[in-house]
Amino acid sequence: MSKHIVVDPITRIEGHLRIEAVIDDNNTIVDAYSSSTMFRGIETILKGRDPRDCGLLAMRICGVCTGTHYQRSIEAVENAFDITIPKNARLVRNLIQGALYIHDHVVHFYHLHALDWVDITSALKADPKKTAEEARKWAGISGEKPWTDSESEFAQVQERVAKFVKQGRLGIFGNGYWGNKHYKLTPEQNLLGVTHYLQALDMQRDMAKMMAIFGGKNPHPQSIVVGGVTCVQDIQNPSRIALFKTLLLSARKFVKQAYLPDVYMAGTMYADEALDGTGGGLKNYMSYGGFRLDDTGFYKSALLFPDGLVLNGDLDRVIPIDQNKIAEDVAHAWYEGDKPLHPFDGRTDPKYTGFGKKEDGVAYLDTKNKYSWIKSPIYDDNRVEVGPLARMIVGVAAKDKRITEYVTKFLKNGNLPTKVLFSTVGRTAGRAIETEIMADVMVEWVDELASNVAAGDLSTWTEFDFDAVSKNAKGYGMEEAPRGALGHWMRIEDGKVANYQAIVPSTWNAAPRDYKDRMGAYEASLIGTKVADPEQPLEILRTIHSFDPCIACAVHIVDTKGKELGVYKVDTACAV
């Protein structure tokens, strides 16, 4: 007899996300539904605006993704106006976006995802001396010294946690599923994870400073404009570039000596789940391609991350990306519409139909009809997964030298076969591998920027005639954000935005079923997952968190049992 599990809200993410899962008599998930109970009306707000201003508003889609929406909106205008930015601007944008990657991935692993692997209370049983041995062991697998192997430091952390437990003041650790039998780390490994968790809180501040050096502030930088960047004084000041590099080198050290070893540790201890393919999902992976490496113009230059589509986990075939094959479907989303539309023609017309049945005070999604504020994107009529793992999969399939080298090294060091990538563990590992790549390549970029400026090139902006180019134009900004493929599309008429659509990474991943009733990436990833205790759905959280969900802007509120607390009717025709 099946059971219906409702997890609402999913915590340790940005935004409001609800997961409903059906499990059989063996506590195995046989059906799943993903729903965002939030409405985002940014696209409507941007209609009628000056396209040069859209970036400043579009970046408010999210306070976690910070400048990546800003850049995509600006690049959509530059694409529409056929503008190629100067080398310094390209490098600065890469460095701001790269700093976001490192910051976002480290914060995600430790502060949003680690507690799905690490049992906090188990750390109280650990031997600090053996914990130091664990630190050296896993760092050694990476070929590195450990970030810390101090017995006294581990003992101090253990004492701090013990005081919190004794006083009943676990705070953010208070509602964990501690003791769940699907936690597999030893007490010493748990203590190591908790220690790095706390140390990462300090590290992330410096990573955020990196974004602010060239971005002006963080979150929501403001130095990027149509045609280039405005941080002229920063790139001309050697001390500013030197500060950026100093912070970068420190972050890279933490990635190599703490983050990667911890992922090796988790991957090894949860290898059985990885080998079984738990959390694998669609196995269709897409990357728009990202981080331009030369100045031949957008969508023409060499890329750090290649673009491509890999279907059915086939690493021997990569299909090039054609943005004309992207569409959004609303068959199961709370919007008006009767067929998939390309973003240039997309509509954002809300049609909220509410939840379905209510039983024992719990409201369930109306899964036969509409059940999410997220649309269902499709590429060439395929449902796909995007994100760090997708970038690594596409890179390996495309035989990209750099990506293949890093992925191969990780798998070899961890004594893991390639197939473990198609799993929750693999998705988590893909993000860590990518972080190491980014930390290494950014050293090259910051040195390139310093050399270019020292050689006398101070150009940061490409001039253009707005009145001439904005009469009738359309453009798109497509790039790889930390969470995956991100695109902004806009049509411009008489100098104003006529239509605007954004398809964010979590739109691709968190989407409901489409017009063919095919699952989205979150939904598919849960099928076949064994749940140890339906009252503690740790396994659902572990897999969903592995995508790093980012769901923005809410108007409909429900409590943890799905009971309606309030419904707010908002006039979304708010363009001015």
Protein backbone atom coordinates (compact mmCIF):
# COMPACT_ATOMS: atom_id res chain seq x y z
CA MET A 1 0.00 0.00 0.00
CA SER A 2 1.54 3.33 -1.07
CA LYS A 3 2.19 6.31 1.19
CA HIS A 4 2.17 9.98 0.25
CA ILE A 5 5.03 12.13 1.62
CA VAL A 6 4.81 15.92 1.59
CA VAL A 7 7.97 17.95 2.24
CA ASP A 8 6.99 21.62 2.35
CA PRO A 9 8.93 23.78 2.59
CA ILE A 10 12.24 22.29 1.48
CA THR A 11 14.71 24.16 3.69
CA ARG A 12 18.34 25.18 3.13
CA ILE A 13 17.52 26.53 -0.31
CA GLU A 14 16.63 29.94 -1.75
CA GLY A 15 12.87 30.33 -2.07
CA HIS A 16 9.85 28.10 -1.55
CA LEU A 17 9.85 24.55 -2.87
CA ARG A 18 7.45 21.70 -2.19
CA ILE A 19 8.12 18.04 -2.96
CA GLU A 20 5.43 15.37 -2.90
CA ALA A 21 6.54 11.74 -3.20
CA VAL A 22 4.70 8.43 -3.32
CA ILE A 23 6.47 5.43 -1.75
CA ASP A 24 5.59 1.75 -1.99
CA ASP A 25 5.58 -0.95 0.71
CA ASN A 26 9.38 -1.13 0.53
CA ASN A 27 9.68 2.62 1.19
CA THR A 28 10.93 3.15 -2.37
CA ILE A 29 9.81 6.29 -4.20
CA VAL A 30 7.67 5.38 -7.21
CA ASP A 31 6.33 8.83 -8.09
CA ALA A 32 7.34 12.41 -7.32
CA TYR A 33 6.18 15.96 -7.95
CA SER A 34 8.08 19.24 -7.65
CA SER A 35 6.23 22.49 -7.07
CA SER A 36 7.26 26.07 -6.47
CA THR A 37 4.59 27.84 -4.45
CA MET A 38 6.01 31.24 -5.45
CA PHE A 39 5.28 33.67 -8.27
CA ARG A 40 8.02 35.68 -9.99
CA GLY A 41 6.79 38.61 -12.07
CA ILE A 42 10.08 40.23 -13.08
CA GLU A 43 9.45 39.62 -16.79
CA THR A 44 6.24 41.65 -16.65
CA ILE A 45 7.85 44.43 -14.63
CA LEU A 46 10.57 44.86 -17.27
CA LYS A 47 8.19 45.50 -20.15
CA GLY A 48 8.33 49.12 -21.32
CA ARG A 49 11.70 49.79 -19.69
CA ASP A 50 14.86 51.16 -21.21
CA PRO A 51 16.82 47.95 -22.02
CA ARG A 52 19.99 49.46 -20.55
CA ASP A 53 18.29 49.53 -17.13
CA CYS A 54 17.00 45.96 -17.19
CA GLY A 55 20.12 44.41 -15.67
CA LEU A 56 19.76 46.39 -12.45
CA LEU A 57 16.18 45.16 -12.06
CA ALA A 58 16.67 41.62 -13.38
CA MET A 59 19.42 40.90 -10.86
CA ARG A 60 16.79 41.34 -8.13
CA ILE A 61 15.34 38.02 -9.27
CA CYS A 62 17.66 36.57 -6.65
CA GLY A 63 19.93 37.67 -3.82
CA VAL A 64 21.87 34.40 -3.90
CA CYS A 65 22.78 34.35 -7.58
CA THR A 66 23.76 38.05 -7.24
CA GLY A 67 25.40 39.36 -10.40
CA THR A 68 24.76 36.51 -12.81
CA HIS A 69 21.26 37.71 -13.79
CA TYR A 70 22.72 41.20 -14.09
CA GLN A 71 25.32 40.03 -16.59
CA ARG A 72 22.89 37.94 -18.64
CA SER A 73 20.48 40.85 -18.98
CA ILE A 74 23.28 43.21 -20.02
CA GLU A 75 24.58 40.62 -22.50
CA ALA A 76 21.12 40.19 -24.01
CA VAL A 77 21.19 43.90 -24.86
CA GLU A 78 24.74 43.66 -26.20
CA ASN A 79 23.71 40.72 -28.36
CA ALA A 80 20.73 42.70 -29.66
CA PHE A 81 22.96 45.72 -30.44
CA ASP A 82 25.86 43.60 -31.82
CA ILE A 83 28.37 44.98 -29.30
CA THR A 84 31.71 43.29 -28.58
CA ILE A 85 33.15 44.35 -25.24
CA PRO A 86 36.88 45.10 -24.66
CA LYS A 87 39.30 42.51 -23.27
CA ASN A 88 39.46 44.14 -19.85
CA ALA A 89 35.67 44.05 -19.56
CA ARG A 90 35.57 40.39 -20.56
CA LEU A 91 38.21 39.49 -17.97
CA VAL A 92 36.54 41.51 -15.21
CA ARG A 93 33.18 39.89 -15.92
CA ASN A 94 34.79 36.45 -15.88
CA LEU A 95 36.44 37.20 -12.55
CA ILE A 96 33.23 38.48 -10.95
CA GLN A 97 31.29 35.48 -12.23
CA GLY A 98 34.11 33.09 -11.29
CA ALA A 99 34.21 34.47 -7.75
CA LEU A 100 30.47 33.84 -7.56
CA TYR A 101 31.06 30.22 -8.59
CA ILE A 102 33.63 29.59 -5.85
CA HIS A 103 31.58 31.38 -3.20
CA ASP A 104 28.32 29.75 -4.23
CA HIS A 105 29.69 26.20 -4.49
CA VAL A 106 31.52 26.33 -1.14
CA VAL A 107 28.51 27.83 0.65
CA HIS A 108 26.22 25.30 -0.98
CA PHE A 109 28.26 22.26 -0.02
CA TYR A 110 28.89 23.23 3.59
CA HIS A 111 25.93 25.33 4.62
CA LEU A 112 23.11 24.01 2.45
CA HIS A 113 24.04 20.42 1.61
CA ALA A 114 26.58 19.06 4.14
CA LEU A 115 24.00 18.28 6.80
CA ASP A 116 22.47 15.74 4.41
CA TRP A 117 25.72 13.77 4.74
CA VAL A 118 27.02 14.83 8.17
CA ASP A 119 25.36 13.81 11.43
CA ILE A 120 26.09 16.67 13.84
CA THR A 121 25.36 14.80 17.07
CA SER A 122 27.50 11.83 16.02
CA ALA A 123 30.50 14.19 16.09
CA LEU A 124 30.17 14.28 19.90
CA LYS A 125 31.44 10.68 20.03
CA ALA A 126 34.54 11.40 17.96
CA ASP A 127 38.15 11.09 19.05
CA PRO A 128 39.92 14.36 18.05
CA LYS A 129 43.18 12.50 17.48
CA LYS A 130 41.53 10.08 15.05
CA THR A 131 39.78 13.03 13.43
CA ALA A 132 43.18 14.55 12.67
CA GLU A 133 44.14 11.26 11.06
CA GLU A 134 41.00 11.40 8.92
CA ALA A 135 41.87 14.94 7.83
CA ARG A 136 45.31 13.85 6.69
CA LYS A 137 43.92 10.73 4.99
CA TRP A 138 41.38 12.48 2.76
CA ALA A 139 43.60 15.46 1.97
CA GLY A 140 46.30 12.96 1.02
CA ILE A 141 43.96 11.43 -1.56
CA SER A 142 43.78 14.89 -3.12
CA GLY A 143 47.56 15.13 -3.00
CA GLU A 144 47.29 18.02 -0.52
CA LYS A 145 48.01 18.88 3.09
CA PRO A 146 44.85 19.16 5.20
CA TRP A 147 43.32 22.59 5.81
CA THR A 148 43.60 21.73 9.49
CA ASP A 149 44.73 18.61 11.36
CA SER A 150 44.92 20.14 14.81
CA GLU A 151 43.64 17.84 17.53
CA SER A 152 43.04 20.80 19.82
CA GLU A 153 40.96 22.58 17.18
CA PHE A 154 38.80 19.51 16.66
CA ALA A 155 38.41 19.18 20.43
CA GLN A 156 37.33 22.83 20.70
CA VAL A 157 34.70 22.39 17.97
CA GLN A 158 33.44 19.26 19.68
CA GLU A 159 33.16 21.14 22.95
CA ARG A 160 31.22 23.98 21.31
CA VAL A 161 28.72 21.57 19.76
CA ALA A 162 28.38 19.68 23.05
CA LYS A 163 27.47 22.92 24.86
CA PHE A 164 24.83 23.72 22.25
CA VAL A 165 23.32 20.23 22.61
CA LYS A 166 23.37 20.33 26.42
CA GLN A 167 21.67 23.73 26.47
CA GLY A 168 19.15 22.78 23.79
CA ARG A 169 20.48 25.59 21.60
CA LEU A 170 21.28 23.74 18.39
CA GLY A 171 19.81 26.62 16.38
CA ILE A 172 20.11 25.84 12.66
CA PHE A 173 21.13 22.29 13.60
CA GLY A 174 18.03 21.80 15.74
CA ASN A 175 15.67 20.10 13.29
CA GLY A 176 18.05 17.67 11.62
CA TYR A 177 17.29 13.99 11.26
CA TRP A 178 20.18 13.07 13.55
CA GLY A 179 20.61 9.37 14.06
CA ASN A 180 18.93 8.43 10.80
CA LYS A 181 20.44 5.12 9.62
CA HIS A 182 21.18 6.57 6.18
CA TYR A 183 23.90 8.75 7.71
CA LYS A 184 27.07 6.77 6.96
CA LEU A 185 30.06 8.82 8.14
CA THR A 186 32.00 7.76 11.24
CA PRO A 187 31.98 10.04 14.32
CA GLU A 188 35.47 11.30 13.39
CA GLN A 189 34.41 12.03 9.82
CA ASN A 190 31.36 13.87 11.12
CA LEU A 191 33.54 16.00 13.41
CA LEU A 192 35.81 16.82 10.47
CA GLY A 193 32.78 17.88 8.44
CA VAL A 194 31.39 20.04 11.25
CA THR A 195 34.78 21.74 11.71
CA HIS A 196 35.03 22.61 8.01
CA TYR A 197 31.40 23.77 8.12
CA LEU A 198 32.29 26.38 10.73
CA GLN A 199 35.55 27.36 9.01
CA ALA A 200 33.69 27.84 5.71
CA LEU A 201 31.58 30.52 7.40
CA ASP A 202 34.71 32.62 7.72
CA MET A 203 36.02 31.75 4.27
CA GLN A 204 32.87 32.76 2.44
CA ARG A 205 33.23 36.36 3.62
CA ASP A 206 36.53 36.69 1.77
CA MET A 207 35.05 35.03 -1.29
CA ALA A 208 32.27 37.63 -1.25
CA LYS A 209 34.88 40.40 -1.06
CA MET A 210 36.31 39.15 -4.34
CA MET A 211 33.02 39.94 -6.09
CA ALA A 212 32.90 43.39 -4.51
CA ILE A 213 36.41 44.42 -5.61
CA PHE A 214 35.43 44.73 -9.27
CA GLY A 215 31.64 44.68 -8.81
CA GLY A 216 31.43 47.66 -6.46
CA LYS A 217 29.42 45.79 -3.83
CA ASN A 218 27.97 42.40 -3.02
CA PRO A 219 25.34 41.15 -3.39
CA HIS A 220 24.05 42.87 -6.51
CA PRO A 221 27.19 44.40 -8.05
CA GLN A 222 26.72 47.51 -10.17
CA SER A 223 29.85 47.94 -12.30
CA ILE A 224 28.58 46.17 -15.43
CA VAL A 225 26.94 48.30 -18.13
CA VAL A 226 25.92 47.75 -21.72
CA GLY A 227 29.22 47.87 -23.61
CA GLY A 228 31.60 46.98 -20.80
CA VAL A 229 32.36 47.74 -17.15
CA THR A 230 32.80 50.88 -15.04
CA CYS A 231 35.45 49.71 -12.53
CA VAL A 232 38.20 51.70 -14.30
CA GLN A 233 39.99 52.80 -11.14
CA ASP A 234 40.05 49.26 -9.78
CA ILE A 235 41.76 47.72 -12.80
CA GLN A 236 44.26 50.59 -12.97
CA ASN A 237 45.22 50.13 -9.32
CA PRO A 238 47.72 47.26 -8.94
CA SER A 239 46.86 46.92 -5.24
CA ARG A 240 43.21 46.13 -6.07
CA ILE A 241 44.20 43.39 -8.50
CA ALA A 242 46.74 42.10 -5.97
CA LEU A 243 44.07 41.99 -3.23
CA PHE A 244 41.77 40.03 -5.51
CA LYS A 245 44.53 37.53 -6.22
CA THR A 246 45.43 37.17 -2.54
CA LEU A 247 41.83 36.36 -1.64
CA LEU A 248 41.60 34.01 -4.62
CA LEU A 249 44.69 32.05 -3.59
CA SER A 250 43.32 31.65 -0.08
CA ALA A 251 39.99 30.42 -1.43
CA ARG A 252 41.75 28.01 -3.78
CA LYS A 253 43.71 26.59 -0.85
CA PHE A 254 40.49 25.94 1.09
CA VAL A 255 38.92 24.28 -1.95
CA LYS A 256 41.87 21.93 -2.40
CA GLN A 257 42.59 21.21 1.26
CA ALA A 258 39.08 21.04 2.73
CA TYR A 259 36.27 21.00 0.15
CA LEU A 260 37.66 18.39 -2.26
CA PRO A 261 38.87 16.04 0.52
CA ASP A 262 35.43 16.21 2.16
CA VAL A 263 33.77 15.27 -1.12
CA TYR A 264 36.21 12.36 -1.51
CA MET A 265 35.22 11.30 1.99
CA ALA A 266 31.48 11.52 1.31
CA GLY A 267 31.84 9.87 -2.09
CA THR A 268 33.71 6.94 -0.60
CA MET A 269 31.37 6.42 2.34
CA TYR A 270 28.27 6.72 0.14
CA ALA A 271 29.79 4.84 -2.80
CA ASP A 272 27.10 2.15 -2.70
CA GLU A 273 24.43 4.76 -3.49
CA ALA A 274 26.58 6.25 -6.22
CA LEU A 275 27.19 2.85 -7.81
CA ASP A 276 23.46 2.12 -7.69
CA GLY A 277 22.77 5.41 -9.48
CA THR A 278 20.60 6.80 -6.68
CA GLY A 279 19.45 10.28 -7.71
CA GLY A 280 20.59 9.92 -11.32
CA GLY A 281 17.32 11.07 -12.83
CA LEU A 282 16.92 12.07 -16.47
CA LYS A 283 20.54 11.47 -17.55
CA ASN A 284 19.98 14.16 -20.21
CA TYR A 285 22.48 16.98 -19.63
CA MET A 286 22.70 20.40 -21.22
CA SER A 287 25.22 23.24 -21.07
CA TYR A 288 24.91 26.58 -22.88
CA GLY A 289 28.67 26.93 -22.63
CA GLY A 290 30.34 29.62 -20.56
CA PHE A 291 33.26 31.91 -19.75
CA ARG A 292 34.64 33.38 -22.96
CA LEU A 293 38.37 32.94 -23.38
CA ASP A 294 39.05 35.36 -26.26
CA ASP A 295 37.67 38.56 -27.80
CA THR A 296 36.03 37.34 -30.99
CA GLY A 297 32.59 38.29 -29.67
CA PHE A 298 29.74 36.60 -27.83
CA TYR A 299 28.81 33.11 -29.03
CA LYS A 300 31.89 33.00 -31.28
CA SER A 301 34.77 32.76 -28.83
CA ALA A 302 36.44 29.74 -27.27
CA LEU A 303 34.81 28.72 -23.98
CA LEU A 304 35.97 27.36 -20.64
CA PHE A 305 32.82 25.22 -20.50
CA PRO A 306 31.75 23.89 -23.92
CA ASP A 307 28.14 24.01 -25.01
CA GLY A 308 26.27 20.84 -25.80
CA LEU A 309 23.55 18.31 -25.08
CA VAL A 310 24.22 14.76 -23.89
CA LEU A 311 21.26 12.37 -24.03
CA ASN A 312 20.78 9.17 -22.04
CA GLY A 313 24.21 9.49 -20.40
CA ASP A 314 25.93 8.78 -23.73
CA LEU A 315 29.45 10.18 -23.31
CA ASP A 316 30.33 9.42 -26.92
CA ARG A 317 27.96 11.97 -28.45
CA VAL A 318 27.50 15.70 -27.97
CA ILE A 319 24.79 17.66 -29.77
CA PRO A 320 25.57 21.38 -30.34
CA ILE A 321 23.16 23.85 -28.74
CA ASP A 322 20.83 25.95 -30.91
CA GLN A 323 18.93 28.52 -28.87
CA ASN A 324 16.08 28.41 -31.40
CA LYS A 325 15.21 24.93 -30.07
CA ILE A 326 14.44 26.18 -26.55
CA ALA A 327 10.81 26.50 -25.48
CA GLU A 328 8.72 26.71 -22.32
CA ASP A 329 5.57 24.70 -21.71
CA VAL A 330 2.87 25.54 -19.14
CA ALA A 331 0.63 22.47 -19.26
CA HIS A 332 1.25 21.84 -15.54
CA ALA A 333 2.27 25.37 -14.52
CA TRP A 334 0.00 28.10 -13.17
CA TYR A 335 0.07 30.18 -16.36
CA GLU A 336 -2.09 30.79 -19.40
CA GLY A 337 -0.96 29.03 -22.57
CA ASP A 338 -1.76 26.11 -24.82
CA LYS A 339 1.58 25.24 -26.46
CA PRO A 340 5.34 25.50 -25.82
CA LEU A 341 6.74 28.91 -26.81
CA HIS A 342 10.25 30.15 -27.57
CA PRO A 343 11.34 32.78 -25.02
CA PHE A 344 11.22 35.60 -27.60
CA ASP A 345 7.48 34.87 -27.84
CA GLY A 346 7.01 33.75 -24.24
CA ARG A 347 4.18 34.94 -22.01
CA THR A 348 3.99 35.32 -18.24
CA ASP A 349 0.24 35.42 -17.62
CA PRO A 350 -0.63 33.87 -14.23
CA LYS A 351 -3.49 31.37 -13.98
CA TYR A 352 -3.52 30.12 -10.42
CA THR A 353 -5.90 27.18 -10.01
CA GLY A 354 -4.99 26.23 -6.46
CA PHE A 355 -4.22 22.94 -4.76
CA GLY A 356 -6.20 19.74 -5.21
CA LYS A 357 -7.69 17.48 -2.58
CA LYS A 358 -7.47 17.99 1.16
CA GLU A 359 -7.23 15.01 3.49
CA ASP A 360 -6.73 15.12 7.27
CA GLY A 361 -6.01 18.82 7.09
CA VAL A 362 -3.30 18.43 4.43
CA ALA A 363 -3.69 20.04 1.01
CA TYR A 364 -2.18 18.04 -1.85
CA LEU A 365 -1.09 19.29 -5.26
CA ASP A 366 -3.52 18.91 -8.15
CA THR A 367 -0.94 16.90 -10.09
CA LYS A 368 -3.32 15.93 -12.90
CA ASN A 369 -3.58 19.59 -13.82
CA LYS A 370 -1.49 22.65 -12.89
CA TYR A 371 0.64 22.45 -9.75
CA SER A 372 3.64 24.83 -9.88
CA TRP A 373 4.65 28.42 -10.56
CA ILE A 374 7.62 27.10 -12.54
CA LYS A 375 7.20 26.56 -16.26
CA SER A 376 8.57 23.45 -17.98
CA PRO A 377 11.44 24.23 -20.36
CA ILE A 378 12.26 21.80 -23.13
CA TYR A 379 15.20 21.64 -25.53
CA ASP A 380 14.38 20.18 -28.94
CA ASP A 381 11.48 18.45 -27.17
CA ASN A 382 13.74 16.89 -24.50
CA ARG A 383 13.61 17.32 -20.72
CA VAL A 384 17.14 18.03 -19.49
CA GLU A 385 19.21 18.60 -16.35
CA VAL A 386 21.52 21.59 -16.06
CA GLY A 387 24.21 22.54 -13.54
CA PRO A 388 27.80 21.72 -12.58
CA LEU A 389 27.38 18.01 -13.26
CA ALA A 390 25.90 18.78 -16.69
CA ARG A 391 28.91 20.98 -17.47
CA MET A 392 31.32 18.23 -16.46
CA ILE A 393 29.38 15.57 -18.40
CA VAL A 394 29.23 17.72 -21.54
CA GLY A 395 32.90 18.62 -21.14
CA VAL A 396 33.97 14.98 -20.90
CA ALA A 397 31.72 13.97 -23.80
CA ALA A 398 33.12 16.84 -25.89
CA LYS A 399 36.64 15.64 -24.97
CA ASP A 400 37.51 19.04 -23.52
CA LYS A 401 41.12 18.66 -22.37
CA ARG A 402 40.90 20.64 -19.13
CA ILE A 403 37.60 19.25 -17.90
CA THR A 404 38.48 15.67 -18.83
CA GLU A 405 41.77 15.96 -16.95
CA TYR A 406 40.12 17.19 -13.73
CA VAL A 407 37.24 14.70 -13.86
CA THR A 408 39.59 11.79 -14.60
CA LYS A 409 41.88 12.81 -11.74
CA PHE A 410 38.98 12.96 -9.30
CA LEU A 411 37.64 9.55 -10.28
CA LYS A 412 41.11 7.97 -10.23
CA ASN A 413 42.00 9.43 -6.83
CA GLY A 414 38.70 8.27 -5.40
CA ASN A 415 38.97 4.85 -7.07
CA LEU A 416 35.53 5.40 -8.56
CA PRO A 417 34.14 4.35 -11.97
CA THR A 418 32.70 6.91 -14.40
CA LYS A 419 29.14 5.70 -13.82
CA VAL A 420 29.08 7.19 -10.29
CA LEU A 421 28.71 10.61 -11.92
CA PHE A 422 25.10 9.70 -12.76
CA SER A 423 23.90 9.98 -9.16
CA THR A 424 23.33 12.33 -6.24
CA VAL A 425 26.92 11.72 -5.16
CA GLY A 426 28.10 12.41 -8.71
CA ARG A 427 26.16 15.67 -8.85
CA THR A 428 27.84 16.76 -5.61
CA ALA A 429 31.25 15.66 -6.89
CA GLY A 430 30.72 17.49 -10.19
CA ARG A 431 30.28 20.75 -8.32
CA ALA A 432 33.50 20.20 -6.33
CA ILE A 433 35.50 19.30 -9.44
CA GLU A 434 34.22 22.42 -11.15
CA THR A 435 35.18 24.57 -8.17
CA GLU A 436 38.78 23.37 -8.39
CA ILE A 437 38.83 24.11 -12.13
CA MET A 438 37.47 27.60 -11.53
CA ALA A 439 39.90 28.37 -8.71
CA ASP A 440 42.84 27.35 -10.90
CA VAL A 441 41.78 29.11 -14.11
CA MET A 442 40.94 32.35 -12.31
CA VAL A 443 44.59 32.70 -11.33
CA GLU A 444 45.34 32.75 -15.06
CA TRP A 445 42.63 35.35 -15.69
CA VAL A 446 43.70 37.75 -12.95
CA ASP A 447 47.30 37.57 -14.19
CA GLU A 448 46.08 38.19 -17.74
CA LEU A 449 44.17 41.25 -16.57
CA ALA A 450 47.19 42.63 -14.70
CA SER A 451 49.46 42.07 -17.72
CA ASN A 452 47.02 43.64 -20.16
CA VAL A 453 46.63 46.78 -18.04
CA ALA A 454 50.39 46.99 -17.42
CA ALA A 455 50.89 46.89 -21.21
CA GLY A 456 48.83 50.07 -21.50
CA ASP A 457 45.38 48.77 -22.46
CA LEU A 458 42.93 50.65 -20.23
CA SER A 459 39.83 50.23 -22.39
CA THR A 460 36.72 49.13 -20.50
CA TRP A 461 33.79 50.19 -22.72
CA THR A 462 32.67 49.96 -26.35
CA GLU A 463 30.81 53.01 -27.64
CA PHE A 464 27.50 52.60 -29.47
CA ASP A 465 24.65 54.77 -30.78
CA PHE A 466 21.64 53.78 -28.70
CA ASP A 467 19.07 55.60 -30.84
CA ALA A 468 20.31 53.86 -33.97
CA VAL A 469 20.55 50.31 -32.63
CA SER A 470 17.44 50.22 -30.43
CA LYS A 471 14.72 50.88 -32.98
CA ASN A 472 13.88 47.25 -33.55
CA ALA A 473 16.15 44.56 -32.10
CA LYS A 474 16.16 41.35 -30.15
CA GLY A 475 18.90 39.56 -28.27
CA TYR A 476 19.70 36.91 -25.71
CA GLY A 477 22.21 36.47 -22.93
CA MET A 478 23.04 32.78 -22.48
CA GLU A 479 25.69 31.67 -20.02
CA GLU A 480 26.41 29.08 -17.37
CA ALA A 481 25.44 30.39 -13.94
CA PRO A 482 26.66 28.41 -10.88
CA ARG A 483 23.45 26.39 -10.83
CA GLY A 484 23.33 25.80 -14.59
CA ALA A 485 22.16 27.13 -17.93
CA LEU A 486 20.79 30.66 -17.58
CA GLY A 487 19.22 32.67 -20.36
CA HIS A 488 17.60 36.09 -20.69
CA TRP A 489 15.76 36.96 -23.91
CA MET A 490 14.40 40.38 -24.87
CA ARG A 491 12.71 42.07 -27.80
CA ILE A 492 13.21 45.82 -28.15
CA GLU A 493 10.96 48.21 -30.05
CA ASP A 494 11.52 51.97 -30.31
CA GLY A 495 14.08 51.92 -27.52
CA LYS A 496 11.85 50.09 -25.03
CA VAL A 497 11.49 46.45 -23.95
CA ALA A 498 8.55 44.87 -25.78
CA ASN A 499 8.97 41.41 -24.27
CA TYR A 500 11.32 39.85 -21.72
CA GLN A 501 11.74 36.25 -20.61
CA ALA A 502 14.25 34.59 -18.28
CA ILE A 503 14.74 30.83 -18.01
CA VAL A 504 16.87 30.19 -14.95
CA PRO A 505 18.71 26.96 -14.01
CA SER A 506 16.10 25.96 -11.46
CA THR A 507 13.42 26.44 -14.12
CA TRP A 508 15.06 23.62 -16.05
CA ASN A 509 15.61 21.42 -12.99
CA ALA A 510 12.67 22.13 -10.68
CA ALA A 511 9.99 22.18 -13.37
CA PRO A 512 6.80 20.13 -13.18
CA ARG A 513 5.72 17.65 -15.84
CA ASP A 514 5.33 18.95 -19.40
CA TYR A 515 2.65 18.61 -22.07
CA LYS A 516 3.71 14.98 -22.67
CA ASP A 517 3.54 14.31 -18.91
CA ARG A 518 7.34 13.86 -18.76
CA MET A 519 9.04 14.57 -15.44
CA GLY A 520 11.39 17.41 -14.66
CA ALA A 521 14.90 16.77 -13.33
CA TYR A 522 14.01 16.96 -9.62
CA GLU A 523 11.06 14.63 -10.05
CA ALA A 524 12.98 12.07 -12.11
CA SER A 525 15.94 12.09 -9.70
CA LEU A 526 13.79 10.83 -6.82
CA ILE A 527 12.37 7.78 -8.57
CA GLY A 528 13.78 4.55 -7.13
CA THR A 529 15.19 6.22 -4.01
CA LYS A 530 14.90 4.12 -0.85
CA VAL A 531 13.66 6.07 2.19
CA ALA A 532 14.84 4.69 5.54
CA ASP A 533 12.15 6.48 7.56
CA PRO A 534 9.16 8.19 5.85
CA GLU A 535 8.89 10.48 8.88
CA GLN A 536 12.47 11.63 8.22
CA PRO A 537 12.82 11.94 4.43
CA LEU A 538 16.57 12.58 4.58
CA GLU A 539 17.11 10.93 1.21
CA ILE A 540 14.70 13.33 -0.54
CA LEU A 541 16.52 16.32 0.92
CA ARG A 542 19.93 14.91 -0.03
CA THR A 543 19.02 14.49 -3.69
CA ILE A 544 17.05 17.73 -4.08
CA HIS A 545 19.78 19.72 -2.32
CA SER A 546 22.36 18.24 -4.69
CA PHE A 547 20.86 20.49 -7.41
CA ASP A 548 21.27 23.60 -5.21
CA PRO A 549 17.67 24.85 -5.71
CA CYS A 550 17.12 28.57 -6.18
CA ILE A 551 13.42 29.48 -6.29
CA ALA A 552 12.55 33.17 -6.28
CA CYS A 553 9.76 35.53 -5.09
CA ALA A 554 6.58 34.33 -3.28
CA VAL A 555 2.96 35.46 -2.99
CA HIS A 556 1.23 32.25 -1.90
CA ILE A 557 2.03 30.98 1.59
CA VAL A 558 1.44 27.55 3.11
CA ASP A 559 2.58 25.97 6.34
CA THR A 560 4.60 22.78 6.67
CA LYS A 561 1.47 20.61 6.39
CA GLY A 562 0.21 22.31 3.27
CA LYS A 563 -2.54 24.22 5.08
CA GLU A 564 -3.39 27.51 3.48
CA LEU A 565 -2.34 30.49 5.59
CA GLY A 566 -3.12 33.22 3.12
CA VAL A 567 -3.62 33.97 -0.55
CA TYR A 568 -2.51 37.34 -1.91
CA LYS A 569 -3.91 38.62 -5.20
CA VAL A 570 -1.28 40.72 -6.96
CA ASP A 571 -1.86 42.87 -10.04
CA THR A 572 0.99 41.63 -12.20
CA ALA A 573 0.36 44.20 -14.94
CA CYS A 574 2.73 46.55 -13.15
CA ALA A 575 4.95 47.73 -16.00
CA VAL A 576 5.45 51.50 -16.10
